[in-house]
Amino acid sequence: MECGELLKKLSDIRAVAGRENMAAEIIAGLFRQYCDDVSVDSFYNVIGFKKGQAENPQNVLITAHYDEIGLIVTGIEDSGFLRFTAIGGVDAKAIGAMEVTVHGKKDLFGVIGVKPPHLIAPEDKDKGIKMEDMRIDIGYDGEKARELVSIGDVVTFNSPTQELLNNRIAGKSLDNRSGVAALVEILKELQKLKHDDNVYVVATVQEELGLIGAVCTTYNIKADLGIVIDVCHGDMPDAPSDEAFPLDKGVTVAIGPIISRKHAKECIKIAREENIPYQIDPEAGDTGTEAAVHAVAREGIPVILLSIPCKYMHTAVEMVSVNDIVSTGKLAARYIAGRSKE
């Protein structure tokens, strides 16, 4: 499957943080095409294992989270409207008038209705709407709504992927299904290469709630090197130039306090030698990614952070370049195959 088609398939699946059981088997099926063993742990982290060819192989652990932001039902009104709150970093400004799916006893189409401008008082026209003042309308009265929906049911955004010009794709949950697509690209590349090390690729859960899946994974797998695949901010109007990166200019390689300087430098060297497009991502703090977990797991795992530029993060119209995902997979695989063990 080509990377673009794979990304569209991954984007369209539903896996709100804490409900990754909805998608775990789909991702496991993708890994099984390339791995010697695939398992799903009790938290629904999906773990693929590819055996190294050395007599005494080291372990390389590569993680990319596959959970997505969403909503959770907090109340059902007599009118049938559903109250809700966010799972993960949902911006209330971005969800008004959106179409959603409520995962109740069956999947139900709904809309997050907003008051028409005709009915808004003049003094309130420029004010944002708070999430607690929004409701989901599924078209039923309270009795029928309570029959089909329970408090605690999750809600996902309806935003089918769309192909744009220049090999770009827009849709929901590209943070971080782009990273999962990169995991598959890594496995595909490793099929062509000799690699001494055991490779564990893990699609992790609940990153949006506090890196929880990565904590479980780095405890479970004793790694000699960690590689984290995530997204970073793509360039867009008014975005700070030192915090956003252009699409289609390659994978970003992080440099910063918690990143292994040795491994990052060697990774950049490989990118130059192999003519793989890359960008430098200066990270002064903990990066806000699973790299922060790898760095302090057990006695500490040397870690590299490779990121895919993504526009409009944490909305339902995130946008990435397929070329950047391919570059990410190629760089990680070539580094694993050629890395120094000193």
Protein backbone atom coordinates (compact mmCIF):
# COMPACT_ATOMS: atom_id res chain seq x y z
CA MET A 1 0.00 0.00 0.00
CA GLU A 2 1.36 3.41 -0.98
CA CYS A 3 2.00 5.84 1.87
CA GLY A 4 -0.79 8.22 0.86
CA GLU A 5 -3.41 5.47 0.78
CA LEU A 6 -2.10 4.11 4.08
CA LEU A 7 -2.37 7.53 5.72
CA LYS A 8 -5.95 7.97 4.53
CA LYS A 9 -6.86 4.57 5.97
CA LEU A 10 -5.22 5.42 9.29
CA SER A 11 -6.80 8.87 9.51
CA ASP A 12 -10.30 7.54 8.95
CA ILE A 13 -10.22 5.03 11.84
CA ARG A 14 -11.60 6.11 15.22
CA ALA A 15 -9.42 5.81 18.33
CA VAL A 16 -10.04 8.50 20.93
CA ALA A 17 -7.49 8.47 23.75
CA GLY A 18 -8.62 5.78 26.19
CA ARG A 19 -10.68 3.97 23.55
CA GLU A 20 -7.88 2.69 21.33
CA ASN A 21 -9.43 -0.77 21.40
CA MET A 22 -11.53 0.56 18.50
CA ALA A 23 -8.46 0.53 16.22
CA ALA A 24 -5.77 -1.71 17.75
CA GLU A 25 -6.44 -4.73 15.56
CA ILE A 26 -6.37 -2.66 12.36
CA ILE A 27 -2.89 -1.38 13.20
CA ALA A 28 -1.75 -4.84 14.31
CA GLY A 29 -2.80 -6.12 10.89
CA LEU A 30 -0.62 -3.52 9.17
CA PHE A 31 2.39 -4.48 11.29
CA ARG A 32 1.94 -8.22 10.69
CA GLN A 33 2.87 -7.80 7.04
CA TYR A 34 6.45 -6.87 8.02
CA CYS A 35 7.15 -8.11 11.56
CA ASP A 36 8.27 -11.42 13.04
CA ASP A 37 5.79 -11.00 15.89
CA VAL A 38 2.96 -8.61 16.73
CA SER A 39 1.12 -8.28 20.03
CA VAL A 40 -1.33 -5.93 21.74
CA ASP A 41 -0.79 -5.26 25.44
CA SER A 42 -3.45 -4.69 28.10
CA PHE A 43 -3.51 -0.93 27.38
CA TYR A 44 -3.84 -1.51 23.61
CA ASN A 45 -0.31 -0.47 22.71
CA VAL A 46 0.37 -2.34 19.44
CA ILE A 47 3.88 -3.85 19.47
CA GLY A 48 5.64 -5.10 16.36
CA PHE A 49 8.94 -6.97 16.64
CA LYS A 50 11.50 -7.41 13.87
CA LYS A 51 14.45 -9.62 14.77
CA GLY A 52 17.99 -8.30 14.34
CA GLN A 53 20.64 -10.19 12.42
CA ALA A 54 23.54 -9.80 14.84
CA GLU A 55 24.60 -12.60 17.17
CA ASN A 56 24.09 -10.30 20.17
CA PRO A 57 21.62 -7.67 18.96
CA GLN A 58 20.76 -4.49 20.81
CA ASN A 59 17.18 -3.26 21.05
CA VAL A 60 15.85 -0.22 19.22
CA LEU A 61 12.44 1.00 20.35
CA ILE A 62 10.43 3.25 18.02
CA THR A 63 7.18 4.77 19.26
CA ALA A 64 4.43 6.80 17.62
CA HIS A 65 1.10 7.39 19.31
CA TYR A 66 -2.14 6.55 17.54
CA ASP A 67 -4.74 8.01 19.89
CA GLU A 68 -6.71 11.04 18.76
CA ILE A 69 -8.39 13.92 20.54
CA GLY A 70 -12.16 13.77 20.91
CA LEU A 71 -15.06 14.33 23.27
CA ILE A 72 -16.86 12.46 26.04
CA VAL A 73 -20.55 12.68 26.90
CA THR A 74 -21.09 14.21 30.35
CA GLY A 75 -24.86 14.62 30.39
CA ILE A 76 -28.11 13.95 28.51
CA GLU A 77 -30.78 16.63 28.73
CA ASP A 78 -34.54 16.03 28.64
CA SER A 79 -34.56 17.76 25.27
CA GLY A 80 -32.17 15.12 23.91
CA PHE A 81 -29.17 17.44 23.65
CA LEU A 82 -25.87 15.92 24.84
CA ARG A 83 -23.46 17.81 27.06
CA PHE A 84 -19.80 16.99 26.61
CA THR A 85 -16.22 17.85 27.47
CA ALA A 86 -12.87 17.33 25.78
CA ILE A 87 -10.59 14.31 25.73
CA GLY A 88 -7.17 15.77 24.99
CA GLY A 89 -6.41 19.25 23.71
CA VAL A 90 -9.61 20.25 21.91
CA ASP A 91 -9.99 23.96 21.12
CA ALA A 92 -13.61 25.07 21.53
CA LYS A 93 -13.13 27.64 18.76
CA ALA A 94 -12.50 24.84 16.24
CA ILE A 95 -15.53 22.60 16.87
CA GLY A 96 -18.60 24.79 16.53
CA ALA A 97 -20.96 23.53 13.76
CA MET A 98 -18.93 20.32 13.33
CA GLU A 99 -20.35 16.94 12.39
CA VAL A 100 -19.54 14.17 14.87
CA THR A 101 -20.16 10.50 15.59
CA VAL A 102 -21.41 9.55 19.05
CA HIS A 103 -20.27 6.03 19.86
CA GLY A 104 -23.27 4.89 21.90
CA LYS A 105 -25.05 1.55 21.74
CA LYS A 106 -24.66 2.15 18.02
CA ASP A 107 -22.82 4.87 16.13
CA LEU A 108 -24.99 7.98 15.90
CA PHE A 109 -24.53 10.98 13.64
CA GLY A 110 -24.65 14.30 15.45
CA VAL A 111 -23.87 17.98 15.02
CA ILE A 112 -22.43 20.50 17.44
CA GLY A 113 -25.01 23.18 16.89
CA VAL A 114 -24.25 26.86 17.33
CA LYS A 115 -26.63 29.77 17.67
CA PRO A 116 -27.23 31.64 14.39
CA PRO A 117 -25.81 35.17 14.26
CA HIS A 118 -29.36 36.57 14.00
CA LEU A 119 -30.07 35.39 17.55
CA ILE A 120 -26.86 36.57 19.20
CA ALA A 121 -27.05 39.76 21.22
CA PRO A 122 -24.87 42.53 19.73
CA GLU A 123 -22.65 42.65 22.83
CA ASP A 124 -21.91 38.90 22.49
CA LYS A 125 -21.14 38.72 18.76
CA ASP A 126 -17.36 38.90 19.20
CA LYS A 127 -17.20 36.52 22.15
CA GLY A 128 -16.08 32.90 21.85
CA ILE A 129 -18.42 30.09 22.86
CA LYS A 130 -17.30 28.01 25.83
CA MET A 131 -17.39 24.23 25.48
CA GLU A 132 -19.69 23.90 28.47
CA ASP A 133 -22.24 26.02 26.61
CA MET A 134 -22.20 23.79 23.51
CA ARG A 135 -24.42 20.77 22.89
CA ILE A 136 -24.46 17.81 20.50
CA ASP A 137 -27.75 17.33 18.66
CA ILE A 138 -28.47 13.74 17.57
CA GLY A 139 -32.07 14.47 16.59
CA TYR A 140 -33.77 12.47 19.38
CA ASP A 141 -35.72 13.51 22.45
CA GLY A 142 -34.35 12.78 25.90
CA GLU A 143 -36.03 9.38 26.33
CA LYS A 144 -34.69 8.00 23.05
CA ALA A 145 -31.29 9.66 23.55
CA ARG A 146 -30.89 7.95 26.95
CA GLU A 147 -31.84 4.63 25.38
CA LEU A 148 -28.98 4.90 22.85
CA VAL A 149 -26.35 7.01 24.63
CA SER A 150 -24.74 6.71 28.05
CA ILE A 151 -22.71 9.18 30.04
CA GLY A 152 -19.08 8.32 29.31
CA ASP A 153 -19.60 7.43 25.65
CA VAL A 154 -16.96 8.95 23.40
CA VAL A 155 -17.46 11.23 20.42
CA THR A 156 -15.24 11.51 17.34
CA PHE A 157 -15.07 14.21 14.67
CA ASN A 158 -16.31 13.46 11.16
CA SER A 159 -13.67 14.72 8.74
CA PRO A 160 -12.86 12.34 5.88
CA THR A 161 -9.37 12.75 4.47
CA GLN A 162 -8.93 14.82 1.34
CA GLU A 163 -6.05 14.83 -1.13
CA LEU A 164 -4.70 18.25 -2.04
CA LEU A 165 -2.17 19.39 -4.58
CA ASN A 166 1.55 18.75 -4.06
CA ASN A 167 1.03 15.32 -2.46
CA ARG A 168 -0.60 16.75 0.65
CA ILE A 169 -3.40 15.25 2.69
CA ALA A 170 -5.82 16.96 5.08
CA GLY A 171 -8.05 15.32 7.67
CA LYS A 172 -8.48 14.43 11.29
CA SER A 173 -5.99 12.70 13.60
CA LEU A 174 -2.95 13.17 11.35
CA ASP A 175 -1.45 13.91 14.76
CA ASN A 176 -0.27 11.24 15.03
CA ARG A 177 -1.46 8.74 12.45
CA SER A 178 1.26 10.33 10.31
CA GLY A 179 3.72 8.85 12.79
CA VAL A 180 2.06 5.43 12.57
CA ALA A 181 2.33 5.61 8.77
CA ALA A 182 6.01 6.39 9.28
CA LEU A 183 6.36 3.25 11.44
CA VAL A 184 5.05 1.20 8.53
CA GLU A 185 7.44 3.01 6.17
CA ILE A 186 10.31 2.13 8.52
CA LEU A 187 9.31 -1.54 8.45
CA LYS A 188 9.06 -1.49 4.66
CA GLU A 189 12.53 0.07 4.38
CA LEU A 190 14.03 -2.44 6.80
CA GLN A 191 12.83 -5.25 4.53
CA LYS A 192 15.45 -4.04 2.03
CA LEU A 193 18.27 -3.53 4.56
CA LYS A 194 20.47 -5.64 6.81
CA HIS A 195 20.03 -4.51 10.41
CA ASP A 196 21.91 -5.94 13.37
CA ASP A 197 19.52 -4.71 16.05
CA ASN A 198 16.17 -6.01 17.19
CA VAL A 199 13.57 -3.42 16.24
CA TYR A 200 10.39 -2.81 18.20
CA VAL A 201 7.84 -0.53 16.56
CA VAL A 202 5.06 0.47 18.94
CA ALA A 203 1.88 2.38 18.17
CA THR A 204 1.22 3.84 21.60
CA VAL A 205 -1.94 4.93 23.40
CA GLN A 206 -3.12 7.89 25.48
CA GLU A 207 -0.32 10.25 24.49
CA GLU A 208 -2.85 13.07 24.42
CA LEU A 209 -3.67 12.40 28.08
CA GLY A 210 -0.08 12.44 29.37
CA LEU A 211 2.20 10.08 27.40
CA ILE A 212 0.70 7.09 29.23
CA GLY A 213 1.25 4.44 26.57
CA ALA A 214 4.91 5.39 26.21
CA VAL A 215 5.40 5.02 29.97
CA CYS A 216 4.08 1.45 29.80
CA THR A 217 6.11 0.65 26.68
CA THR A 218 9.48 1.95 27.86
CA TYR A 219 9.05 -0.01 31.09
CA ASN A 220 8.10 -3.19 29.25
CA ILE A 221 10.84 -3.08 26.58
CA LYS A 222 14.42 -2.57 27.73
CA ALA A 223 15.85 -0.51 24.89
CA ASP A 224 19.37 0.63 24.01
CA LEU A 225 18.07 3.39 21.74
CA GLY A 226 14.73 5.14 21.50
CA ILE A 227 13.30 6.83 18.42
CA VAL A 228 10.12 8.87 18.76
CA ILE A 229 8.03 9.76 15.71
CA ASP A 230 5.51 12.57 16.14
CA VAL A 231 4.33 15.71 14.39
CA CYS A 232 5.56 19.25 14.83
CA HIS A 233 3.90 22.50 13.80
CA GLY A 234 3.76 23.17 10.08
CA ASP A 235 4.19 26.70 8.81
CA MET A 236 1.02 28.75 8.51
CA PRO A 237 0.10 32.45 8.60
CA ASP A 238 1.38 34.23 11.72
CA ALA A 239 3.07 31.09 13.12
CA PRO A 240 6.42 31.82 14.84
CA SER A 241 9.15 30.95 12.34
CA ASP A 242 11.27 29.19 14.98
CA GLU A 243 8.38 26.93 16.03
CA ALA A 244 6.87 25.99 12.66
CA PHE A 245 8.40 24.14 9.73
CA PRO A 246 7.52 24.11 6.03
CA LEU A 247 5.83 21.05 4.57
CA ASP A 248 7.63 19.05 1.90
CA LYS A 249 11.08 20.11 3.14
CA GLY A 250 11.71 16.87 4.99
CA VAL A 251 11.63 15.34 8.45
CA THR A 252 12.67 17.53 11.38
CA VAL A 253 15.47 16.20 13.59
CA ALA A 254 15.33 17.54 17.14
CA ILE A 255 18.35 18.88 18.99
CA GLY A 256 18.05 19.75 22.66
CA PRO A 257 18.82 18.83 26.28
CA ILE A 258 16.92 15.54 26.48
CA ILE A 259 17.88 14.41 22.97
CA SER A 260 20.98 12.25 22.57
CA ARG A 261 23.45 14.63 20.93
CA LYS A 262 25.55 11.74 19.62
CA HIS A 263 22.65 9.94 17.96
CA ALA A 264 21.08 13.13 16.58
CA LYS A 265 24.39 14.15 14.96
CA GLU A 266 24.84 10.69 13.44
CA CYS A 267 21.25 10.74 12.19
CA ILE A 268 21.86 14.08 10.47
CA LYS A 269 25.05 12.68 8.95
CA ILE A 270 23.07 9.77 7.49
CA ALA A 271 20.47 12.18 6.09
CA ARG A 272 23.19 14.14 4.31
CA GLU A 273 24.91 11.04 2.95
CA GLU A 274 21.65 9.51 1.72
CA ASN A 275 20.26 12.81 0.38
CA ILE A 276 17.21 12.55 2.63
CA PRO A 277 15.60 15.98 3.13
CA TYR A 278 15.64 17.12 6.75
CA GLN A 279 15.24 20.19 8.94
CA ILE A 280 16.67 21.03 12.36
CA ASP A 281 14.20 21.39 15.24
CA PRO A 282 15.73 23.14 18.30
CA GLU A 283 13.98 21.90 21.45
CA ALA A 284 14.93 23.77 24.62
CA GLY A 285 12.71 21.75 26.97
CA ASP A 286 11.10 18.33 27.28
CA THR A 287 9.65 18.54 23.69
CA GLY A 288 6.06 17.74 24.76
CA THR A 289 6.44 14.31 23.12
CA GLU A 290 7.21 10.74 24.11
CA ALA A 291 10.92 11.61 23.90
CA ALA A 292 10.53 12.94 27.45
CA VAL A 293 9.46 9.46 28.58
CA HIS A 294 12.25 7.58 26.79
CA ALA A 295 14.86 9.91 28.27
CA VAL A 296 13.99 9.01 31.87
CA ALA A 297 12.80 5.39 31.49
CA ARG A 298 14.67 2.87 33.64
CA GLU A 299 18.23 4.24 33.79
CA GLY A 300 17.50 6.48 30.79
CA ILE A 301 17.27 5.62 27.09
CA PRO A 302 19.26 7.69 24.56
CA VAL A 303 16.54 9.12 22.33
CA ILE A 304 16.09 10.73 18.91
CA LEU A 305 12.98 12.74 18.02
CA LEU A 306 11.92 12.79 14.37
CA SER A 307 8.90 14.95 13.57
CA ILE A 308 6.62 15.42 10.58
CA PRO A 309 5.47 19.02 9.96
CA CYS A 310 1.69 19.24 10.39
CA LYS A 311 -0.47 22.31 9.79
CA TYR A 312 -3.53 23.17 11.91
CA MET A 313 -2.68 20.70 14.69
CA HIS A 314 -5.53 19.56 16.95
CA THR A 315 -8.22 20.42 14.45
CA ALA A 316 -10.16 18.17 12.08
CA VAL A 317 -8.33 19.58 9.05
CA GLU A 318 -4.72 18.84 9.92
CA MET A 319 -2.46 18.79 6.87
CA VAL A 320 0.79 16.95 6.11
CA SER A 321 2.97 16.12 3.14
CA VAL A 322 3.19 12.44 2.26
CA ASN A 323 6.77 13.11 1.11
CA ASP A 324 7.75 14.11 4.65
CA ILE A 325 6.37 10.84 6.05
CA VAL A 326 8.37 8.85 3.50
CA SER A 327 11.50 10.85 4.39
CA THR A 328 10.93 10.11 8.07
CA GLY A 329 10.63 6.37 7.47
CA LYS A 330 13.67 6.28 5.23
CA LEU A 331 15.89 8.24 7.63
CA ALA A 332 14.94 6.17 10.67
CA ALA A 333 15.45 2.87 8.83
CA ARG A 334 18.78 3.90 7.32
CA TYR A 335 19.97 5.09 10.71
CA ILE A 336 18.98 1.82 12.39
CA ALA A 337 20.79 -0.19 9.70
CA GLY A 338 23.97 1.89 9.73
CA ARG A 339 24.25 3.28 13.26
CA SER A 340 27.43 3.13 15.32
CA LYS A 341 27.33 0.98 18.48
CA GLU A 342 30.25 2.78 20.14
